[in-house]
């Protein structure tokens, strides 16, 4: 872990590097710091899952990384290019390498444009000849499981949620981007349709050599698609590490509380952990020190006085906690008997 609190990746070169990202929103009553000094790296070809409760800053972070939303300060580098300080011309060129899929599948599509024109829009901006665009649009619709002859001339209102999200994926991948940010891409869909979209994305990832940042609040979905996971709370990074290890043995009390709040699929299985108690503090006036301290069973006086720095607490695992859980700790933080 570097002094800046960045989760480094064993010396390997990252495709996406985010350093000290801050996103502020000015609202009635003050300023909300939706993202507060967040830093991380994403390796080429991996999927980074980003999880946390609603309002923790996940979506603000994702949009800021691509300059689709406010970016107050910080550095964002993709494939060696600084996105945060790119001018309009440079940013337009960077759009070929960086695309986004949004939560509201139908709402993210222009209601007055046909499917073929929606998918072709990026290609047209990039200067792809019309004949080539037509071929690529048909190819992309086929890739996402939509018959071009049936769907090309439809409007978004004529599509189901799952079909609209397939169009969104086709639009995003038409330019062959290297980085794809998915902001809650399946949360508005039925469970059966969620599985179809997730399977489609898993199929397309190696075909298009994608690096993905997958933002979601559904812990099971994130576990199924992610190589590593970033856990956020009230604009801050709590924990960062390998997906399987983090889910099996979280190091931060908030991560453990999140995981133990998920209902068990087996009704006969007893509830194992303590519920996550209390409400998230107001982002207009976050607590001093550790932002999670008011809901944390391990909080002590130092947690109110000093903000914990994110640091490596286990090999490859980073957490921002004065009292990180040891491996195989019980919910109260006491190690399990061996």
Protein backbone atom coordinates (compact mmCIF):
# COMPACT_ATOMS: atom_id res chain seq x y z
CA UNK A 1 0.00 0.00 0.00
CA UNK A 2 1.37 3.37 -0.97
CA UNK A 3 1.31 6.32 1.37
CA UNK A 4 -1.57 7.81 -0.59
CA UNK A 5 -3.77 4.87 0.36
CA UNK A 6 -3.85 3.27 -3.07
CA UNK A 7 -4.45 -0.43 -3.51
CA UNK A 8 -1.58 -1.49 -5.76
CA UNK A 9 -1.59 -4.68 -7.78
CA UNK A 10 1.58 -6.63 -7.19
CA UNK A 11 3.59 -4.30 -9.42
CA UNK A 12 1.50 -5.02 -12.50
CA UNK A 13 0.51 -2.16 -14.77
CA UNK A 14 -3.11 -1.10 -14.34
CA UNK A 15 -5.40 -0.17 -17.21
CA UNK A 16 -7.37 2.18 -14.94
CA UNK A 17 -5.76 4.15 -12.12
CA UNK A 18 -7.78 6.40 -9.82
CA UNK A 19 -5.94 8.59 -7.34
CA UNK A 20 -7.47 10.68 -4.52
CA UNK A 21 -10.80 11.09 -6.32
CA UNK A 22 -13.17 13.62 -4.76
CA UNK A 23 -16.72 14.26 -5.97
CA UNK A 24 -18.82 16.97 -4.33
CA UNK A 25 -22.46 17.85 -4.92
CA UNK A 26 -23.82 21.23 -3.83
CA UNK A 27 -27.30 20.83 -2.40
CA UNK A 28 -29.67 22.82 -0.27
CA UNK A 29 -28.18 22.85 3.19
CA UNK A 30 -24.55 22.44 2.22
CA UNK A 31 -22.12 20.34 0.23
CA UNK A 32 -22.21 16.56 0.01
CA UNK A 33 -18.85 14.89 -0.55
CA UNK A 34 -20.18 11.84 -2.36
CA UNK A 35 -16.69 10.45 -3.01
CA UNK A 36 -13.92 11.27 -0.57
CA UNK A 37 -10.27 10.62 -1.47
CA UNK A 38 -10.81 7.27 -3.23
CA UNK A 39 -7.87 5.54 -4.89
CA UNK A 40 -7.62 2.17 -6.65
CA UNK A 41 -6.20 0.36 -9.67
CA UNK A 42 -7.84 -2.05 -12.11
CA UNK A 43 -5.75 -4.56 -14.06
CA UNK A 44 -6.32 -5.26 -17.77
CA UNK A 45 -8.88 -8.01 -18.24
CA UNK A 46 -10.22 -8.12 -14.69
CA UNK A 47 -13.61 -7.27 -13.26
CA UNK A 48 -13.61 -5.02 -10.21
CA UNK A 49 -16.84 -5.12 -8.21
CA UNK A 50 -17.87 -2.02 -6.25
CA UNK A 51 -20.39 -2.55 -3.45
CA UNK A 52 -21.99 -0.62 -0.61
CA UNK A 53 -25.34 0.62 0.65
CA UNK A 54 -27.38 3.10 -1.37
CA UNK A 55 -25.88 6.58 -1.18
CA UNK A 56 -22.32 5.41 -0.51
CA UNK A 57 -20.96 7.11 -3.65
CA UNK A 58 -20.64 4.12 -6.01
CA UNK A 59 -22.46 5.66 -8.96
CA UNK A 60 -20.94 9.11 -8.44
CA UNK A 61 -17.51 7.51 -8.56
CA UNK A 62 -18.29 5.53 -11.72
CA UNK A 63 -19.64 8.54 -13.58
CA UNK A 64 -16.76 10.75 -12.46
CA UNK A 65 -14.19 8.23 -13.70
CA UNK A 66 -15.55 8.68 -17.23
CA UNK A 67 -16.20 12.42 -16.82
CA UNK A 68 -19.94 11.84 -17.19
CA UNK A 69 -20.50 13.54 -13.85
CA UNK A 70 -18.83 15.99 -11.51
CA UNK A 71 -15.18 15.44 -10.66
CA UNK A 72 -14.04 17.90 -8.00
CA UNK A 73 -10.43 16.77 -7.77
CA UNK A 74 -8.17 13.76 -8.23
CA UNK A 75 -6.45 11.92 -11.06
CA UNK A 76 -8.01 9.36 -13.40
CA UNK A 77 -5.77 7.61 -15.91
CA UNK A 78 -6.90 5.04 -18.48
CA UNK A 79 -4.37 3.33 -20.74
CA UNK A 80 -1.88 6.06 -19.95
CA UNK A 81 -4.23 8.95 -20.77
CA UNK A 82 -5.38 11.42 -18.11
CA UNK A 83 -9.18 11.50 -18.29
CA UNK A 84 -9.57 14.06 -15.51
CA UNK A 85 -7.75 16.84 -17.36
CA UNK A 86 -8.59 15.91 -20.97
CA UNK A 87 -9.97 18.68 -23.17
CA UNK A 88 -13.09 18.14 -25.30
CA UNK A 89 -11.20 16.81 -28.32
CA UNK A 90 -9.10 14.40 -26.26
CA UNK A 91 -12.10 13.27 -24.26
CA UNK A 92 -14.00 12.46 -27.42
CA UNK A 93 -11.12 10.28 -28.58
CA UNK A 94 -11.01 8.57 -25.17
CA UNK A 95 -14.67 7.61 -25.53
CA UNK A 96 -13.59 4.86 -27.92
CA UNK A 97 -11.75 3.18 -25.05
CA UNK A 98 -14.19 3.93 -22.22
CA UNK A 99 -17.91 3.20 -22.23
CA UNK A 100 -20.70 2.88 -19.67
CA UNK A 101 -23.84 0.79 -19.20
CA UNK A 102 -26.51 2.41 -17.03
CA UNK A 103 -29.07 1.10 -14.55
CA UNK A 104 -32.18 2.44 -16.30
CA UNK A 105 -32.00 0.40 -19.48
CA UNK A 106 -34.96 2.02 -21.26
CA UNK A 107 -34.39 5.52 -19.86
CA UNK A 108 -30.77 5.56 -21.03
CA UNK A 109 -31.86 5.14 -24.66
CA UNK A 110 -33.05 8.06 -26.79
CA UNK A 111 -36.83 7.49 -27.01
CA UNK A 112 -37.06 9.05 -30.49
CA UNK A 113 -34.35 6.99 -32.16
CA UNK A 114 -34.57 3.50 -33.58
CA UNK A 115 -32.44 0.71 -32.18
CA UNK A 116 -30.11 0.64 -35.21
CA UNK A 117 -29.43 4.38 -34.85
CA UNK A 118 -28.82 4.10 -31.11
CA UNK A 119 -26.22 1.38 -31.59
CA UNK A 120 -24.65 3.26 -34.53
CA UNK A 121 -24.38 6.64 -32.76
CA UNK A 122 -20.88 6.16 -31.40
CA UNK A 123 -19.68 4.74 -34.70
CA UNK A 124 -21.06 7.77 -36.54
CA UNK A 125 -19.32 10.17 -34.15
CA UNK A 126 -16.10 8.22 -34.64
CA UNK A 127 -16.40 8.69 -38.42
CA UNK A 128 -17.15 5.09 -39.42
CA UNK A 129 -18.54 4.99 -43.02
CA UNK A 130 -22.28 4.38 -43.28
CA UNK A 131 -22.00 1.00 -45.01
CA UNK A 132 -19.56 -0.21 -42.38
CA UNK A 133 -21.84 1.10 -39.61
CA UNK A 134 -24.76 -0.93 -40.92
CA UNK A 135 -22.67 -4.09 -40.93
CA UNK A 136 -21.32 -3.46 -37.43
CA UNK A 137 -24.78 -2.66 -36.01
CA UNK A 138 -26.17 -5.94 -37.35
CA UNK A 139 -23.14 -7.75 -35.99
CA UNK A 140 -23.47 -6.19 -32.53
CA UNK A 141 -27.20 -6.88 -32.26
CA UNK A 142 -26.51 -10.49 -33.12
CA UNK A 143 -23.74 -10.63 -30.50
CA UNK A 144 -26.17 -9.57 -27.76
CA UNK A 145 -28.86 -12.00 -28.86
CA UNK A 146 -31.18 -9.69 -30.80
CA UNK A 147 -32.26 -10.45 -34.37
CA UNK A 148 -31.29 -7.37 -36.46
CA UNK A 149 -34.22 -7.83 -38.83
CA UNK A 150 -36.69 -7.83 -35.96
CA UNK A 151 -35.18 -5.20 -33.65
CA UNK A 152 -33.33 -2.65 -35.84
CA UNK A 153 -36.36 -0.45 -36.52
CA UNK A 154 -37.96 -0.62 -33.07
CA UNK A 155 -38.09 2.28 -30.62
CA UNK A 156 -37.02 1.89 -26.97
CA UNK A 157 -40.63 1.95 -25.71
CA UNK A 158 -41.24 -1.21 -27.77
CA UNK A 159 -38.54 -3.12 -25.89
CA UNK A 160 -38.65 -5.04 -22.63
CA UNK A 161 -36.17 -4.09 -19.92
CA UNK A 162 -33.90 -6.99 -20.80
CA UNK A 163 -34.02 -6.20 -24.52
CA UNK A 164 -33.25 -2.54 -23.84
CA UNK A 165 -30.24 -3.52 -21.73
CA UNK A 166 -28.99 -5.73 -24.57
CA UNK A 167 -29.23 -2.71 -26.86
CA UNK A 168 -27.28 -0.68 -24.30
CA UNK A 169 -24.58 -3.34 -24.25
CA UNK A 170 -24.45 -3.40 -28.05
CA UNK A 171 -24.13 0.40 -28.12
CA UNK A 172 -21.33 0.35 -25.54
CA UNK A 173 -19.35 -2.40 -27.26
CA UNK A 174 -19.75 -1.18 -30.84
CA UNK A 175 -16.64 0.97 -30.47
CA UNK A 176 -14.63 -1.94 -29.02
CA UNK A 177 -13.77 -0.16 -25.75
CA UNK A 178 -11.08 -1.41 -23.42
CA UNK A 179 -12.84 -0.27 -20.23
CA UNK A 180 -16.52 -0.80 -19.47
CA UNK A 181 -18.16 0.69 -16.37
CA UNK A 182 -21.47 -0.94 -15.46
CA UNK A 183 -23.60 1.10 -13.07
CA UNK A 184 -26.19 -1.23 -11.50
CA UNK A 185 -26.80 -2.82 -14.93
CA UNK A 186 -29.20 -5.54 -13.74
CA UNK A 187 -30.82 -4.12 -10.58
CA UNK A 188 -33.96 -2.95 -12.42
CA UNK A 189 -34.50 -6.31 -14.13
CA UNK A 190 -36.37 -9.44 -13.09
CA UNK A 191 -34.19 -12.11 -11.53
CA UNK A 192 -34.44 -14.44 -14.53
CA UNK A 193 -33.53 -11.60 -16.88
CA UNK A 194 -30.66 -10.59 -14.57
CA UNK A 195 -29.13 -14.03 -15.04
CA UNK A 196 -29.43 -13.76 -18.82
CA UNK A 197 -27.70 -10.36 -18.90
CA UNK A 198 -24.94 -11.47 -16.52
CA UNK A 199 -24.31 -14.60 -18.60
CA UNK A 200 -24.20 -12.46 -21.73
CA UNK A 201 -21.64 -10.12 -20.21
CA UNK A 202 -19.49 -13.03 -19.06
CA UNK A 203 -19.60 -14.40 -22.60
CA UNK A 204 -18.69 -11.06 -24.22
CA UNK A 205 -15.91 -10.13 -21.79
CA UNK A 206 -13.20 -12.39 -23.28
CA UNK A 207 -14.49 -11.92 -26.83
CA UNK A 208 -14.04 -8.14 -26.57
CA UNK A 209 -11.03 -8.26 -24.21
CA UNK A 210 -12.86 -6.10 -21.67
CA UNK A 211 -11.81 -4.66 -18.34
CA UNK A 212 -14.92 -4.04 -16.24
CA UNK A 213 -15.85 -1.97 -13.20
CA UNK A 214 -19.13 -3.51 -12.00
CA UNK A 215 -21.09 -1.31 -9.59
CA UNK A 216 -23.95 -2.93 -7.67
CA UNK A 217 -25.58 -3.24 -4.27
CA UNK A 218 -26.47 -6.91 -4.77
CA UNK A 219 -23.66 -8.77 -3.02
CA UNK A 220 -24.43 -12.10 -4.68
CA UNK A 221 -24.28 -10.58 -8.16
CA UNK A 222 -20.96 -8.87 -7.43
CA UNK A 223 -19.46 -12.08 -6.08
CA UNK A 224 -20.49 -14.00 -9.20
CA UNK A 225 -18.81 -11.62 -11.65
CA UNK A 226 -15.86 -10.02 -9.83
CA UNK A 227 -12.18 -10.88 -9.55
CA UNK A 228 -11.67 -8.29 -6.80
CA UNK A 229 -14.06 -6.15 -4.77
CA UNK A 230 -14.01 -2.56 -3.49
CA UNK A 231 -16.32 -1.88 -0.53
CA UNK A 232 -17.49 1.70 0.02
CA UNK A 233 -19.20 3.41 2.94
CA UNK A 234 -20.29 7.05 2.98
CA UNK A 235 -17.90 8.03 0.17
CA UNK A 236 -14.88 6.17 1.57
CA UNK A 237 -13.18 2.89 0.72
CA UNK A 238 -13.55 0.41 3.59
CA UNK A 239 -12.00 -2.69 2.11
CA UNK A 240 -10.37 -3.88 -1.10
CA UNK A 241 -9.18 -7.33 -2.12
CA UNK A 242 -9.70 -10.67 -3.86
CA UNK A 243 -13.38 -11.43 -4.26
CA UNK A 244 -13.41 -14.98 -2.91
CA UNK A 245 -11.18 -14.17 0.06
CA UNK A 246 -13.07 -11.00 0.93
CA UNK A 247 -16.44 -12.75 0.89
CA UNK A 248 -15.17 -15.75 2.84
CA UNK A 249 -13.29 -13.74 5.48
CA UNK A 250 -13.87 -9.96 5.47
CA UNK A 251 -11.37 -7.77 7.30
CA UNK A 252 -13.54 -4.69 7.87
CA UNK A 253 -16.49 -4.80 10.32
CA UNK A 254 -18.70 -3.06 7.76
CA UNK A 255 -17.96 -5.66 5.10
CA UNK A 256 -18.80 -8.44 7.53
CA UNK A 257 -22.02 -6.70 8.57
CA UNK A 258 -23.04 -6.29 4.91
CA UNK A 259 -22.43 -9.96 4.16
CA UNK A 260 -24.24 -11.14 7.26
CA UNK A 261 -27.27 -9.00 6.47
CA UNK A 262 -27.95 -11.07 3.34
CA UNK A 263 -30.84 -13.54 3.92
CA UNK A 264 -29.92 -17.22 3.73
CA UNK A 265 -31.58 -19.13 0.86
CA UNK A 266 -32.17 -22.09 3.19
CA UNK A 267 -35.02 -21.21 5.61
CA UNK A 268 -33.73 -23.83 8.07
CA UNK A 269 -30.26 -22.27 8.15
CA UNK A 270 -29.89 -20.16 11.34
CA UNK A 271 -28.92 -16.51 11.02
CA UNK A 272 -25.20 -16.45 11.80
CA UNK A 273 -24.30 -12.82 12.31
CA UNK A 274 -25.31 -9.66 14.05
CA UNK A 275 -27.57 -7.40 11.95
CA UNK A 276 -26.27 -4.07 10.68
CA UNK A 277 -27.82 -1.68 13.17
CA UNK A 278 -28.44 2.05 13.00
CA UNK A 279 -28.82 4.41 10.07
CA UNK A 280 -26.17 5.74 7.74
CA UNK A 281 -25.06 9.20 8.96
CA UNK A 282 -25.97 12.24 6.89
CA UNK A 283 -23.42 12.83 4.10
CA UNK A 284 -23.85 16.55 4.80
CA UNK A 285 -22.26 16.05 8.20
CA UNK A 286 -20.23 12.83 8.34
CA UNK A 287 -18.84 11.71 11.71
CA UNK A 288 -15.31 12.53 12.79
CA UNK A 289 -12.71 9.82 12.57
CA UNK A 290 -14.08 6.57 11.16
CA UNK A 291 -17.38 7.15 9.38
CA UNK A 292 -18.63 3.70 10.35
CA UNK A 293 -17.88 4.03 14.08
CA UNK A 294 -21.47 4.80 15.13
CA UNK A 295 -22.61 1.42 13.81
CA UNK A 296 -19.48 -0.61 14.57
CA UNK A 297 -19.38 -3.14 17.44
CA UNK A 298 -15.60 -2.74 17.72
CA UNK A 299 -15.47 1.08 17.91
CA UNK A 300 -13.26 2.67 20.57
CA UNK A 301 -12.26 6.24 21.45
CA UNK A 302 -9.53 6.35 18.81
CA UNK A 303 -12.14 5.70 16.12
CA UNK A 304 -13.73 9.08 16.89
CA UNK A 305 -10.41 10.94 17.09
CA UNK A 306 -8.54 9.59 14.08
CA UNK A 307 -9.65 8.63 10.60
CA UNK A 308 -8.18 5.22 9.79
CA UNK A 309 -5.89 5.05 6.77
CA UNK A 310 -6.40 2.28 4.28
CA UNK A 311 -3.54 -0.19 4.66
CA UNK A 312 -2.60 -3.76 3.88
CA UNK A 313 -3.93 -5.83 6.79
CA UNK A 314 -3.46 -9.24 5.18
CA UNK A 315 -1.51 -10.24 2.06
CA UNK A 316 -3.32 -8.55 -0.83
CA UNK A 317 -6.11 -7.27 1.44
CA UNK A 318 -6.52 -3.58 2.26
CA UNK A 319 -8.83 -2.11 4.90
CA UNK A 320 -9.43 1.26 6.53
CA UNK A 321 -9.92 0.21 10.14
CA UNK A 322 -8.10 0.74 13.43
CA UNK A 323 -9.15 -2.75 14.53
CA UNK A 324 -9.41 -4.94 11.43
CA UNK A 325 -10.83 -8.41 11.89
CA UNK A 326 -8.30 -11.20 12.04
CA UNK A 327 -8.65 -14.13 9.67
CA UNK A 328 -11.54 -16.39 10.70
CA UNK A 329 -12.83 -13.84 13.22
CA UNK A 330 -16.27 -14.20 14.74
CA UNK A 331 -18.81 -11.37 14.13
CA UNK A 332 -17.72 -9.73 17.40
CA UNK A 333 -14.10 -9.62 16.16
CA UNK A 334 -12.87 -12.39 18.44
CA UNK A 335 -10.89 -15.07 16.55
CA UNK A 336 -12.61 -18.41 16.20
CA UNK A 337 -11.21 -21.35 18.13
CA UNK A 338 -8.90 -23.47 16.02
